Amino acid sequence: MTRSRGRFGAYGGQYIPETLMNAVIELEEAYNHYKEDPEFHRELETLFNEYAGRPSRLYHANKMTEDLGGAKIYLKREDLNHTGAHKINNVLGQALLAKKMGKTRLIAETGAGQHGVATSTAAALMGLECVVFMGEEDTKRQALNVYKMRLLGAEAMIVTNAAGAVNTSFSAGDIMLITDHIKLFGVSPLCGPNLEEFGPRFPDMSHVYTPALRDVARQTAKALEISLREGVYMYFPGPQYETPAEVRLARTLGADAVGMSTVPEAIVAAHCGMQVLGFTLCTNMAAGVLESPLSSDEVLEAAAQAGPRFGALVKGCLARL
């Protein structure tokens, strides 16, 4: 890496909030030092070999080789690594570097949850705290992975989504801090036998979105001069946009935005006693609010325009946690 003109060589620029710049410089200097440190490499190699199960084994896929009629096909069995994916390989290096730097906490961003599980695992191994930022993905898989992350010591989770604005005072591109949610449809992620070590059978949902973290979001938005709406998010199972009648129902019930994600994983996190912070990017006005029909192009365009503000807000919050 190089800081010349704020560039990463041929790969672009350092487009990050100014408040993170000192931390990035500190990380760069530590990385450049430890990548040349033989003792660091020995420790990491030991973790790879004795903890993660690396190098990954190769399996000769005989039947696939025969079916494809020529080239020998080998499968690299990353699924046999600890935590069931390749993510642990990268995370162990990150966690070891963080510990060498004297840090006490890891922050992970995860989609389906495997990176969050790997980071929580490495944090537990090295005695570090862990905070996980989780976006929208398959909610059934996320529910299980949220439990895994909690078992491994993760204490907080940031959830994000793109949604349609129901509140007529909102506009496409607005960012909304989630203060509460409505979930009337779809199976609860808490169905099935309850594990008392996570929480009670019927958990209190009065403060799913942690008030203290909401205060952090407000302070961050003010410092970055980012306009921040606040409101209630209503969950509808997808994958399809809500109908105008459903949008009218949502507005009557007090919702400000509607979408297809976030709530199941937030419920699981609250059940586990984790702190939760939620943001909605209003990429469009919900069905029926405007006369024009909804289109995916409209959603993608609004997301692209608001993306830098949205990313800066989330990263700014992480820096304050």
C-alpha atoms as a PDB file:
ATOM      1  CA  MET A   1       0.000   0.000   0.000  1.00  0.00           C
ATOM      2  CA  THR A   2       1.045   3.570  -0.524  1.00  0.00           C
ATOM      3  CA  ARG A   3      -0.337   6.851   0.698  1.00  0.00           C
ATOM      4  CA  SER A   4       0.996   8.730  -2.328  1.00  0.00           C
ATOM      5  CA  ARG A   5      -1.866  11.044  -3.359  1.00  0.00           C
ATOM      6  CA  GLY A   6      -4.181   8.841  -1.287  1.00  0.00           C
ATOM      7  CA  ARG A   7      -3.956   5.958  -3.754  1.00  0.00           C
ATOM      8  CA  PHE A   8      -3.687   2.185  -3.461  1.00  0.00           C
ATOM      9  CA  GLY A   9      -1.371   1.842  -6.456  1.00  0.00           C
ATOM     10  CA  ALA A  10      -3.489   0.796  -9.444  1.00  0.00           C
ATOM     11  CA  TYR A  11      -6.569   0.021  -7.358  1.00  0.00           C
ATOM     12  CA  GLY A  12      -8.132   3.426  -6.654  1.00  0.00           C
ATOM     13  CA  GLY A  13      -8.270   5.871  -3.767  1.00  0.00           C
ATOM     14  CA  GLN A  14      -8.751   6.049  -0.021  1.00  0.00           C
ATOM     15  CA  TYR A  15     -12.391   7.119   0.006  1.00  0.00           C
ATOM     16  CA  ILE A  16     -13.036   6.871   3.736  1.00  0.00           C
ATOM     17  CA  PRO A  17     -14.261   9.222   6.481  1.00  0.00           C
ATOM     18  CA  GLU A  18     -11.551  11.546   7.764  1.00  0.00           C
ATOM     19  CA  THR A  19     -12.111  10.252  11.305  1.00  0.00           C
ATOM     20  CA  LEU A  20     -10.812   6.819  10.209  1.00  0.00           C
ATOM     21  CA  MET A  21      -7.666   8.099   8.515  1.00  0.00           C
ATOM     22  CA  ASN A  22      -5.364   7.826  11.546  1.00  0.00           C
ATOM     23  CA  ALA A  23      -6.536   4.269  12.182  1.00  0.00           C
ATOM     24  CA  VAL A  24      -5.872   3.325   8.543  1.00  0.00           C
ATOM     25  CA  ILE A  25      -2.366   4.795   8.695  1.00  0.00           C
ATOM     26  CA  GLU A  26      -1.686   2.914  11.939  1.00  0.00           C
ATOM     27  CA  LEU A  27      -2.911  -0.317  10.353  1.00  0.00           C
ATOM     28  CA  GLU A  28      -0.773   0.233   7.249  1.00  0.00           C
ATOM     29  CA  GLU A  29       2.358   0.786   9.293  1.00  0.00           C
ATOM     30  CA  ALA A  30       1.710  -2.311  11.421  1.00  0.00           C
ATOM     31  CA  TYR A  31       0.984  -4.431   8.352  1.00  0.00           C
ATOM     32  CA  ASN A  32       4.188  -3.333   6.625  1.00  0.00           C
ATOM     33  CA  HIS A  33       6.140  -4.185   9.794  1.00  0.00           C
ATOM     34  CA  TYR A  34       4.648  -7.598  10.583  1.00  0.00           C
ATOM     35  CA  LYS A  35       4.590  -8.895   7.015  1.00  0.00           C
ATOM     36  CA  GLU A  36       8.393  -8.934   7.268  1.00  0.00           C
ATOM     37  CA  ASP A  37       8.455 -10.406  10.803  1.00  0.00           C
ATOM     38  CA  PRO A  38       9.492 -14.111  10.818  1.00  0.00           C
ATOM     39  CA  GLU A  39       7.926 -14.692  14.253  1.00  0.00           C
ATOM     40  CA  PHE A  40       4.557 -13.378  13.024  1.00  0.00           C
ATOM     41  CA  HIS A  41       4.721 -15.741  10.053  1.00  0.00           C
ATOM     42  CA  ARG A  42       5.574 -18.683  12.323  1.00  0.00           C
ATOM     43  CA  GLU A  43       2.610 -17.955  14.607  1.00  0.00           C
ATOM     44  CA  LEU A  44       0.239 -17.586  11.672  1.00  0.00           C
ATOM     45  CA  GLU A  45       1.500 -20.760  10.013  1.00  0.00           C
ATOM     46  CA  THR A  46       0.942 -22.678  13.249  1.00  0.00           C
ATOM     47  CA  LEU A  47      -2.631 -21.382  13.435  1.00  0.00           C
ATOM     48  CA  PHE A  48      -3.235 -22.377   9.814  1.00  0.00           C
ATOM     49  CA  ASN A  49      -1.838 -25.882  10.248  1.00  0.00           C
ATOM     50  CA  GLU A  50      -3.054 -26.784  13.734  1.00  0.00           C
ATOM     51  CA  TYR A  51      -6.244 -24.737  14.145  1.00  0.00           C
ATOM     52  CA  ALA A  52      -7.802 -23.922  10.790  1.00  0.00           C
ATOM     53  CA  GLY A  53      -6.971 -27.106   8.879  1.00  0.00           C
ATOM     54  CA  ARG A  54      -4.916 -25.421   6.178  1.00  0.00           C
ATOM     55  CA  PRO A  55      -3.589 -26.255   3.603  1.00  0.00           C
ATOM     56  CA  SER A  56      -7.012 -27.420   2.443  1.00  0.00           C
ATOM     57  CA  ARG A  57      -7.194 -30.974   1.151  1.00  0.00           C
ATOM     58  CA  LEU A  58      -7.687 -31.756  -2.531  1.00  0.00           C
ATOM     59  CA  TYR A  59     -10.198 -34.388  -3.609  1.00  0.00           C
ATOM     60  CA  HIS A  60     -10.042 -36.023  -7.023  1.00  0.00           C
ATOM     61  CA  ALA A  61     -13.634 -35.970  -8.314  1.00  0.00           C
ATOM     62  CA  ASN A  62     -13.613 -39.220 -10.298  1.00  0.00           C
ATOM     63  CA  LYS A  63     -17.205 -39.165 -11.518  1.00  0.00           C
ATOM     64  CA  MET A  64     -17.065 -35.509 -12.525  1.00  0.00           C
ATOM     65  CA  THR A  65     -13.802 -36.183 -14.357  1.00  0.00           C
ATOM     66  CA  GLU A  66     -15.445 -39.030 -16.254  1.00  0.00           C
ATOM     67  CA  ASP A  67     -18.580 -37.042 -17.053  1.00  0.00           C
ATOM     68  CA  LEU A  68     -16.590 -34.121 -18.452  1.00  0.00           C
ATOM     69  CA  GLY A  69     -14.441 -36.482 -20.499  1.00  0.00           C
ATOM     70  CA  GLY A  70     -10.929 -35.181 -20.244  1.00  0.00           C
ATOM     71  CA  ALA A  71      -9.411 -32.837 -17.701  1.00  0.00           C
ATOM     72  CA  LYS A  72      -8.925 -34.194 -14.199  1.00  0.00           C
ATOM     73  CA  ILE A  73     -11.210 -32.357 -11.769  1.00  0.00           C
ATOM     74  CA  TYR A  74     -10.061 -31.689  -8.224  1.00  0.00           C
ATOM     75  CA  LEU A  75     -12.154 -30.094  -5.485  1.00  0.00           C
ATOM     76  CA  LYS A  76     -10.390 -27.898  -2.945  1.00  0.00           C
ATOM     77  CA  ARG A  77     -12.146 -28.815   0.300  1.00  0.00           C
ATOM     78  CA  GLU A  78     -12.414 -25.411   1.969  1.00  0.00           C
ATOM     79  CA  ASP A  79     -15.544 -26.716   3.673  1.00  0.00           C
ATOM     80  CA  LEU A  80     -13.285 -28.851   5.899  1.00  0.00           C
ATOM     81  CA  ASN A  81     -11.622 -25.741   7.343  1.00  0.00           C
ATOM     82  CA  HIS A  82     -12.615 -24.758  10.880  1.00  0.00           C
ATOM     83  CA  THR A  83     -16.003 -22.912  10.747  1.00  0.00           C
ATOM     84  CA  GLY A  84     -16.758 -24.626   7.402  1.00  0.00           C
ATOM     85  CA  ALA A  85     -15.440 -22.018   4.956  1.00  0.00           C
ATOM     86  CA  HIS A  86     -12.286 -20.327   3.720  1.00  0.00           C
ATOM     87  CA  LYS A  87     -13.060 -17.142   5.685  1.00  0.00           C
ATOM     88  CA  ILE A  88     -11.104 -18.375   8.710  1.00  0.00           C
ATOM     89  CA  ASN A  89      -7.845 -18.213   6.718  1.00  0.00           C
ATOM     90  CA  ASN A  90      -7.992 -14.450   6.240  1.00  0.00           C
ATOM     91  CA  VAL A  91      -9.537 -13.701   9.630  1.00  0.00           C
ATOM     92  CA  LEU A  92      -6.780 -15.447  11.593  1.00  0.00           C
ATOM     93  CA  GLY A  93      -4.220 -13.149  10.009  1.00  0.00           C
ATOM     94  CA  GLN A  94      -6.353 -10.099  10.753  1.00  0.00           C
ATOM     95  CA  ALA A  95      -6.951 -11.118  14.365  1.00  0.00           C
ATOM     96  CA  LEU A  96      -3.286 -11.902  14.973  1.00  0.00           C
ATOM     97  CA  LEU A  97      -2.296  -8.538  13.522  1.00  0.00           C
ATOM     98  CA  ALA A  98      -4.898  -6.760  15.689  1.00  0.00           C
ATOM     99  CA  LYS A  99      -3.563  -8.490  18.797  1.00  0.00           C
ATOM    100  CA  LYS A 100       0.019  -7.562  17.922  1.00  0.00           C
ATOM    101  CA  MET A 101      -1.148  -3.951  17.576  1.00  0.00           C
ATOM    102  CA  GLY A 102      -2.578  -4.047  21.097  1.00  0.00           C
ATOM    103  CA  LYS A 103      -6.197  -3.865  19.963  1.00  0.00           C
ATOM    104  CA  THR A 104      -8.930  -5.387  22.101  1.00  0.00           C
ATOM    105  CA  ARG A 105     -11.843  -5.660  19.656  1.00  0.00           C
ATOM    106  CA  LEU A 106     -12.574  -6.936  16.151  1.00  0.00           C
ATOM    107  CA  ILE A 107     -15.294  -5.484  13.903  1.00  0.00           C
ATOM    108  CA  ALA A 108     -16.644  -7.657  11.083  1.00  0.00           C
ATOM    109  CA  GLU A 109     -18.922  -6.961   8.143  1.00  0.00           C
ATOM    110  CA  THR A 110     -20.820 -10.016   6.948  1.00  0.00           C
ATOM    111  CA  GLY A 111     -23.533 -10.922   4.450  1.00  0.00           C
ATOM    112  CA  ALA A 112     -24.729 -14.500   4.870  1.00  0.00           C
ATOM    113  CA  GLY A 113     -22.847 -14.672   8.160  1.00  0.00           C
ATOM    114  CA  GLN A 114     -19.802 -16.877   7.507  1.00  0.00           C
ATOM    115  CA  HIS A 115     -17.312 -14.031   7.790  1.00  0.00           C
ATOM    116  CA  GLY A 116     -18.962 -12.938  11.032  1.00  0.00           C
ATOM    117  CA  VAL A 117     -18.753 -16.481  12.408  1.00  0.00           C
ATOM    118  CA  ALA A 118     -15.083 -16.735  11.419  1.00  0.00           C
ATOM    119  CA  THR A 119     -14.262 -13.359  12.987  1.00  0.00           C
ATOM    120  CA  SER A 120     -16.113 -14.249  16.196  1.00  0.00           C
ATOM    121  CA  THR A 121     -14.214 -17.554  16.283  1.00  0.00           C
ATOM    122  CA  ALA A 122     -10.835 -15.840  15.918  1.00  0.00           C
ATOM    123  CA  ALA A 123     -11.807 -13.252  18.531  1.00  0.00           C
ATOM    124  CA  ALA A 124     -12.773 -15.979  21.000  1.00  0.00           C
ATOM    125  CA  LEU A 125      -9.493 -17.789  20.328  1.00  0.00           C
ATOM    126  CA  MET A 126      -7.393 -14.690  20.996  1.00  0.00           C
ATOM    127  CA  GLY A 127      -9.405 -13.173  23.830  1.00  0.00           C
ATOM    128  CA  LEU A 128     -10.749 -10.214  21.838  1.00  0.00           C
ATOM    129  CA  GLU A 129     -14.186  -8.595  21.852  1.00  0.00           C
ATOM    130  CA  CYS A 130     -16.178  -8.794  18.630  1.00  0.00           C
ATOM    131  CA  VAL A 131     -18.816  -6.586  16.952  1.00  0.00           C
ATOM    132  CA  VAL A 132     -20.541  -7.796  13.780  1.00  0.00           C
ATOM    133  CA  PHE A 133     -22.119  -5.623  11.062  1.00  0.00           C
ATOM    134  CA  MET A 134     -24.608  -7.715   9.089  1.00  0.00           C
ATOM    135  CA  GLY A 135     -26.440  -6.672   5.945  1.00  0.00           C
ATOM    136  CA  GLU A 136     -29.412  -8.336   4.271  1.00  0.00           C
ATOM    137  CA  GLU A 137     -29.195 -11.936   3.025  1.00  0.00           C
ATOM    138  CA  ASP A 138     -30.977 -15.239   3.443  1.00  0.00           C
ATOM    139  CA  THR A 139     -32.699 -14.749   6.786  1.00  0.00           C
ATOM    140  CA  LYS A 140     -32.964 -18.423   7.664  1.00  0.00           C
ATOM    141  CA  ARG A 141     -29.208 -18.874   7.368  1.00  0.00           C
ATOM    142  CA  GLN A 142     -28.627 -15.623   9.224  1.00  0.00           C
ATOM    143  CA  ALA A 143     -30.667 -16.705  12.219  1.00  0.00           C
ATOM    144  CA  LEU A 144     -28.371 -19.680  12.795  1.00  0.00           C
ATOM    145  CA  ASN A 145     -25.253 -17.606  12.186  1.00  0.00           C
ATOM    146  CA  VAL A 146     -26.401 -14.889  14.604  1.00  0.00           C
ATOM    147  CA  TYR A 147     -26.637 -17.564  17.301  1.00  0.00           C
ATOM    148  CA  LYS A 148     -23.151 -18.802  16.382  1.00  0.00           C
ATOM    149  CA  MET A 149     -21.715 -15.294  16.571  1.00  0.00           C
ATOM    150  CA  ARG A 150     -23.300 -14.725  19.955  1.00  0.00           C
ATOM    151  CA  LEU A 151     -21.872 -17.995  21.272  1.00  0.00           C
ATOM    152  CA  LEU A 152     -18.454 -16.851  20.106  1.00  0.00           C
ATOM    153  CA  GLY A 153     -18.701 -13.557  21.981  1.00  0.00           C
ATOM    154  CA  ALA A 154     -20.126 -11.013  19.519  1.00  0.00           C
ATOM    155  CA  GLU A 155     -21.914  -8.290  21.497  1.00  0.00           C
ATOM    156  CA  ALA A 156     -23.456  -6.025  18.860  1.00  0.00           C
ATOM    157  CA  MET A 157     -24.774  -6.180  15.311  1.00  0.00           C
ATOM    158  CA  ILE A 158     -25.475  -3.480  12.734  1.00  0.00           C
ATOM    159  CA  VAL A 159     -28.176  -4.368  10.204  1.00  0.00           C
ATOM    160  CA  THR A 160     -28.872  -2.491   6.982  1.00  0.00           C
ATOM    161  CA  ASN A 161     -31.434  -2.723   4.221  1.00  0.00           C
ATOM    162  CA  ALA A 162     -32.803  -1.011   1.141  1.00  0.00           C
ATOM    163  CA  ALA A 163     -36.519  -0.299   1.370  1.00  0.00           C
ATOM    164  CA  GLY A 164     -39.482   1.588  -0.021  1.00  0.00           C
ATOM    165  CA  ALA A 165     -40.548   4.765   1.756  1.00  0.00           C
ATOM    166  CA  VAL A 166     -44.124   4.724   3.061  1.00  0.00           C
ATOM    167  CA  ASN A 167     -43.965   8.057   4.872  1.00  0.00           C
ATOM    168  CA  THR A 168     -44.954  10.645   2.271  1.00  0.00           C
ATOM    169  CA  SER A 169     -42.598  13.231   3.784  1.00  0.00           C
ATOM    170  CA  PHE A 170     -39.645  10.957   2.880  1.00  0.00           C
ATOM    171  CA  SER A 171     -37.859  10.965  -0.475  1.00  0.00           C
ATOM    172  CA  ALA A 172     -35.881   8.381  -2.422  1.00  0.00           C
ATOM    173  CA  GLY A 173     -32.306   8.511  -1.141  1.00  0.00           C
ATOM    174  CA  ASP A 174     -33.222   9.273   2.474  1.00  0.00           C
ATOM    175  CA  ILE A 175     -31.457   7.332   5.214  1.00  0.00           C
ATOM    176  CA  MET A 176     -33.659   6.204   8.097  1.00  0.00           C
ATOM    177  CA  LEU A 177     -32.530   5.167  11.563  1.00  0.00           C
ATOM    178  CA  ILE A 178     -34.749   2.226  12.564  1.00  0.00           C
ATOM    179  CA  THR A 179     -36.400   2.908  15.911  1.00  0.00           C
ATOM    180  CA  ASP A 180     -38.752  -0.096  15.862  1.00  0.00           C
ATOM    181  CA  HIS A 181     -40.219  -2.637  13.468  1.00  0.00           C
ATOM    182  CA  ILE A 182     -43.494  -4.330  12.586  1.00  0.00           C
ATOM    183  CA  LYS A 183     -43.596  -8.023  11.663  1.00  0.00           C
ATOM    184  CA  LEU A 184     -47.019  -9.563  11.101  1.00  0.00           C
ATOM    185  CA  PHE A 185     -46.171 -12.028   8.338  1.00  0.00           C
ATOM    186  CA  GLY A 186     -43.776 -14.909   7.869  1.00  0.00           C
ATOM    187  CA  VAL A 187     -42.487 -17.533  10.276  1.00  0.00           C
ATOM    188  CA  SER A 188     -40.662 -16.278  13.355  1.00  0.00           C
ATOM    189  CA  PRO A 189     -36.934 -17.100  13.384  1.00  0.00           C
ATOM    190  CA  LEU A 190     -37.423 -18.190  17.021  1.00  0.00           C
ATOM    191  CA  CYS A 191     -39.708 -21.097  16.097  1.00  0.00           C
ATOM    192  CA  GLY A 192     -38.577 -24.489  17.318  1.00  0.00           C
ATOM    193  CA  PRO A 193     -37.106 -25.598  20.637  1.00  0.00           C
ATOM    194  CA  ASN A 194     -35.868 -22.684  22.717  1.00  0.00           C
ATOM    195  CA  LEU A 195     -32.311 -22.656  24.037  1.00  0.00           C
ATOM    196  CA  GLU A 196     -32.469 -20.995  27.440  1.00  0.00           C
ATOM    197  CA  GLU A 197     -28.777 -20.028  27.328  1.00  0.00           C
ATOM    198  CA  PHE A 198     -29.662 -17.558  24.564  1.00  0.00           C
ATOM    199  CA  GLY A 199     -32.843 -16.136  26.046  1.00  0.00           C
ATOM    200  CA  PRO A 200     -36.377 -16.869  27.284  1.00  0.00           C
ATOM    201  CA  ARG A 201     -39.049 -18.573  25.228  1.00  0.00           C
ATOM    202  CA  PHE A 202     -40.938 -15.287  24.789  1.00  0.00           C
ATOM    203  CA  PRO A 203     -38.304 -12.506  24.761  1.00  0.00           C
ATOM    204  CA  ASP A 204     -39.134  -8.855  25.428  1.00  0.00           C
ATOM    205  CA  MET A 205     -39.074  -6.890  22.154  1.00  0.00           C
ATOM    206  CA  SER A 206     -39.495  -3.412  23.696  1.00  0.00           C
ATOM    207  CA  HIS A 207     -36.027  -2.240  22.643  1.00  0.00           C
ATOM    208  CA  VAL A 208     -34.829  -4.412  19.772  1.00  0.00           C
ATOM    209  CA  TYR A 209     -32.861  -1.458  18.375  1.00  0.00           C
ATOM    210  CA  THR A 210     -30.616  -0.391  21.235  1.00  0.00           C
ATOM    211  CA  PRO A 211     -31.303   3.215  22.385  1.00  0.00           C
ATOM    212  CA  ALA A 212     -27.628   3.860  23.195  1.00  0.00           C
ATOM    213  CA  LEU A 213     -26.588   2.809  19.693  1.00  0.00           C
ATOM    214  CA  ARG A 214     -29.292   5.005  18.190  1.00  0.00           C
ATOM    215  CA  ASP A 215     -27.722   7.919  20.069  1.00  0.00           C
ATOM    216  CA  VAL A 216     -24.362   7.004  18.524  1.00  0.00           C
ATOM    217  CA  ALA A 217     -25.985   7.088  15.074  1.00  0.00           C
ATOM    218  CA  ARG A 218     -27.487  10.527  15.707  1.00  0.00           C
ATOM    219  CA  GLN A 219     -24.170  11.925  16.927  1.00  0.00           C
ATOM    220  CA  THR A 220     -22.338  10.440  13.950  1.00  0.00           C
ATOM    221  CA  ALA A 221     -24.842  11.803  11.442  1.00  0.00           C
ATOM    222  CA  LYS A 222     -24.591  15.264  13.008  1.00  0.00           C
ATOM    223  CA  ALA A 223     -20.786  15.196  12.941  1.00  0.00           C
ATOM    224  CA  LEU A 224     -20.760  14.112   9.284  1.00  0.00           C
ATOM    225  CA  GLU A 225     -23.566  16.540   8.369  1.00  0.00           C
ATOM    226  CA  ILE A 226     -25.682  13.688   7.022  1.00  0.00           C
ATOM    227  CA  SER A 227     -29.454  14.096   7.151  1.00  0.00           C
ATOM    228  CA  LEU A 228     -30.915  11.211   9.141  1.00  0.00           C
ATOM    229  CA  ARG A 229     -34.591  10.329   9.239  1.00  0.00           C
ATOM    230  CA  GLU A 230     -36.013   8.137  12.005  1.00  0.00           C
ATOM    231  CA  GLY A 231     -38.881   5.725  11.798  1.00  0.00           C
ATOM    232  CA  VAL A 232     -40.494   2.297  11.916  1.00  0.00           C
ATOM    233  CA  TYR A 233     -39.579  -0.425   9.434  1.00  0.00           C
ATOM    234  CA  MET A 234     -42.228  -2.979   8.427  1.00  0.00           C
ATOM    235  CA  TYR A 235     -41.180  -6.428   7.250  1.00  0.00           C
ATOM    236  CA  PHE A 236     -42.917  -8.228   4.378  1.00  0.00           C
ATOM    237  CA  PRO A 237     -41.681 -11.607   3.110  1.00  0.00           C
ATOM    238  CA  GLY A 238     -40.313 -11.368  -0.442  1.00  0.00           C
ATOM    239  CA  PRO A 239     -39.199 -11.631  -3.081  1.00  0.00           C
ATOM    240  CA  GLN A 240     -41.684  -9.153  -4.529  1.00  0.00           C
ATOM    241  CA  TYR A 241     -42.550  -5.514  -3.974  1.00  0.00           C
ATOM    242  CA  GLU A 242     -45.496  -4.761  -1.694  1.00  0.00           C
ATOM    243  CA  THR A 243     -48.854  -3.973  -3.257  1.00  0.00           C
ATOM    244  CA  PRO A 244     -50.407  -0.500  -2.900  1.00  0.00           C
ATOM    245  CA  ALA A 245     -52.966  -1.993  -0.488  1.00  0.00           C
ATOM    246  CA  GLU A 246     -50.182  -3.454   1.664  1.00  0.00           C
ATOM    247  CA  VAL A 247     -48.413  -0.102   1.650  1.00  0.00           C
ATOM    248  CA  ARG A 248     -51.612   1.645   2.809  1.00  0.00           C
ATOM    249  CA  LEU A 249     -51.898  -0.956   5.583  1.00  0.00           C
ATOM    250  CA  ALA A 250     -48.297  -0.328   6.611  1.00  0.00           C
ATOM    251  CA  ARG A 251     -48.867   3.426   6.780  1.00  0.00           C
ATOM    252  CA  THR A 252     -52.019   2.932   8.856  1.00  0.00           C
ATOM    253  CA  LEU A 253     -50.066   0.748  11.288  1.00  0.00           C
ATOM    254  CA  GLY A 254     -47.407   3.421  11.694  1.00  0.00           C
ATOM    255  CA  ALA A 255     -44.648   2.203   9.380  1.00  0.00           C
ATOM    256  CA  ASP A 256     -42.353   4.662   7.629  1.00  0.00           C
ATOM    257  CA  ALA A 257     -40.644   2.176   5.299  1.00  0.00           C
ATOM    258  CA  VAL A 258     -41.293  -1.358   4.037  1.00  0.00           C
ATOM    259  CA  GLY A 259     -38.858  -4.076   2.998  1.00  0.00           C
ATOM    260  CA  MET A 260     -38.059  -7.781   2.915  1.00  0.00           C
ATOM    261  CA  SER A 261     -35.140  -8.236   5.310  1.00  0.00           C
ATOM    262  CA  THR A 262     -33.456  -7.208   8.584  1.00  0.00           C
ATOM    263  CA  VAL A 263     -36.245  -8.011  11.048  1.00  0.00           C
ATOM    264  CA  PRO A 264     -35.681 -11.796  11.448  1.00  0.00           C
ATOM    265  CA  GLU A 265     -31.982 -11.371  12.235  1.00  0.00           C
ATOM    266  CA  ALA A 266     -32.705  -8.399  14.523  1.00  0.00           C
ATOM    267  CA  ILE A 267     -35.194 -10.552  16.457  1.00  0.00           C
ATOM    268  CA  VAL A 268     -32.614 -13.312  16.892  1.00  0.00           C
ATOM    269  CA  ALA A 269     -29.954 -10.829  18.006  1.00  0.00           C
ATOM    270  CA  ALA A 270     -32.340  -9.294  20.550  1.00  0.00           C
ATOM    271  CA  HIS A 271     -33.236 -12.765  21.814  1.00  0.00           C
ATOM    272  CA  CYS A 272     -29.527 -13.382  22.395  1.00  0.00           C
ATOM    273  CA  GLY A 273     -29.112 -10.153  24.332  1.00  0.00           C
ATOM    274  CA  MET A 274     -27.045  -8.498  21.586  1.00  0.00           C
ATOM    275  CA  GLN A 275     -27.139  -4.773  20.928  1.00  0.00           C
ATOM    276  CA  VAL A 276     -28.674  -3.898  17.549  1.00  0.00           C
ATOM    277  CA  LEU A 277     -28.363  -0.816  15.349  1.00  0.00           C
ATOM    278  CA  GLY A 278     -30.427  -0.629  12.161  1.00  0.00           C
ATOM    279  CA  PHE A 279     -30.381   1.625   9.105  1.00  0.00           C
ATOM    280  CA  THR A 280     -32.705   1.780   6.102  1.00  0.00           C
ATOM    281  CA  LEU A 281     -31.757   3.337   2.787  1.00  0.00           C
ATOM    282  CA  CYS A 282     -34.994   4.454   1.141  1.00  0.00           C
ATOM    283  CA  THR A 283     -34.204   3.647  -2.488  1.00  0.00           C
ATOM    284  CA  ASN A 284     -37.713   4.404  -3.762  1.00  0.00           C
ATOM    285  CA  MET A 285     -41.182   5.461  -2.724  1.00  0.00           C
ATOM    286  CA  ALA A 286     -43.260   2.353  -1.982  1.00  0.00           C
ATOM    287  CA  ALA A 287     -45.919   1.099  -4.402  1.00  0.00           C
ATOM    288  CA  GLY A 288     -48.867   3.437  -4.788  1.00  0.00           C
ATOM    289  CA  VAL A 289     -47.233   6.450  -3.117  1.00  0.00           C
ATOM    290  CA  LEU A 290     -46.431   7.835  -6.561  1.00  0.00           C
ATOM    291  CA  GLU A 291     -48.329   7.178  -9.765  1.00  0.00           C
ATOM    292  CA  SER A 292     -45.290   5.837 -11.616  1.00  0.00           C
ATOM    293  CA  PRO A 293     -44.623   2.062 -11.410  1.00  0.00           C
ATOM    294  CA  LEU A 294     -41.654   0.713  -9.469  1.00  0.00           C
ATOM    295  CA  SER A 295     -38.536  -0.354 -11.344  1.00  0.00           C
ATOM    296  CA  SER A 296     -35.271  -1.995 -10.328  1.00  0.00           C
ATOM    297  CA  ASP A 297     -33.380   0.680 -12.306  1.00  0.00           C
ATOM    298  CA  GLU A 298     -34.864   3.361 -10.047  1.00  0.00           C
ATOM    299  CA  VAL A 299     -33.778   1.438  -6.954  1.00  0.00           C
ATOM    300  CA  LEU A 300     -30.229   0.881  -8.227  1.00  0.00           C
ATOM    301  CA  GLU A 301     -29.827   4.521  -9.263  1.00  0.00           C
ATOM    302  CA  ALA A 302     -30.957   5.824  -5.861  1.00  0.00           C
ATOM    303  CA  ALA A 303     -28.703   3.325  -4.097  1.00  0.00           C
ATOM    304  CA  ALA A 304     -25.690   4.398  -6.168  1.00  0.00           C
ATOM    305  CA  GLN A 305     -26.284   8.066  -5.401  1.00  0.00           C
ATOM    306  CA  ALA A 306     -26.810   7.568  -1.670  1.00  0.00           C
ATOM    307  CA  GLY A 307     -24.165   4.857  -1.253  1.00  0.00           C
ATOM    308  CA  PRO A 308     -21.245   7.119  -0.243  1.00  0.00           C
ATOM    309  CA  ARG A 309     -23.330   8.876   2.438  1.00  0.00           C
ATOM    310  CA  PHE A 310     -24.720   5.575   3.682  1.00  0.00           C
ATOM    311  CA  GLY A 311     -21.293   3.966   3.859  1.00  0.00           C
ATOM    312  CA  ALA A 312     -19.753   6.967   5.615  1.00  0.00           C
ATOM    313  CA  LEU A 313     -22.510   6.920   8.245  1.00  0.00           C
ATOM    314  CA  VAL A 314     -22.119   3.217   9.014  1.00  0.00           C
ATOM    315  CA  LYS A 315     -18.321   3.418   9.149  1.00  0.00           C
ATOM    316  CA  GLY A 316     -18.531   6.519  11.307  1.00  0.00           C
ATOM    317  CA  CYS A 317     -20.757   4.652  13.761  1.00  0.00           C
ATOM    318  CA  LEU A 318     -18.324   1.736  13.857  1.00  0.00           C
ATOM    319  CA  ALA A 319     -15.505   4.132  14.683  1.00  0.00           C
ATOM    320  CA  ARG A 320     -17.484   5.414  17.691  1.00  0.00           C
ATOM    321  CA  LEU A 321     -18.487   2.023  19.099  1.00  0.00           C
END
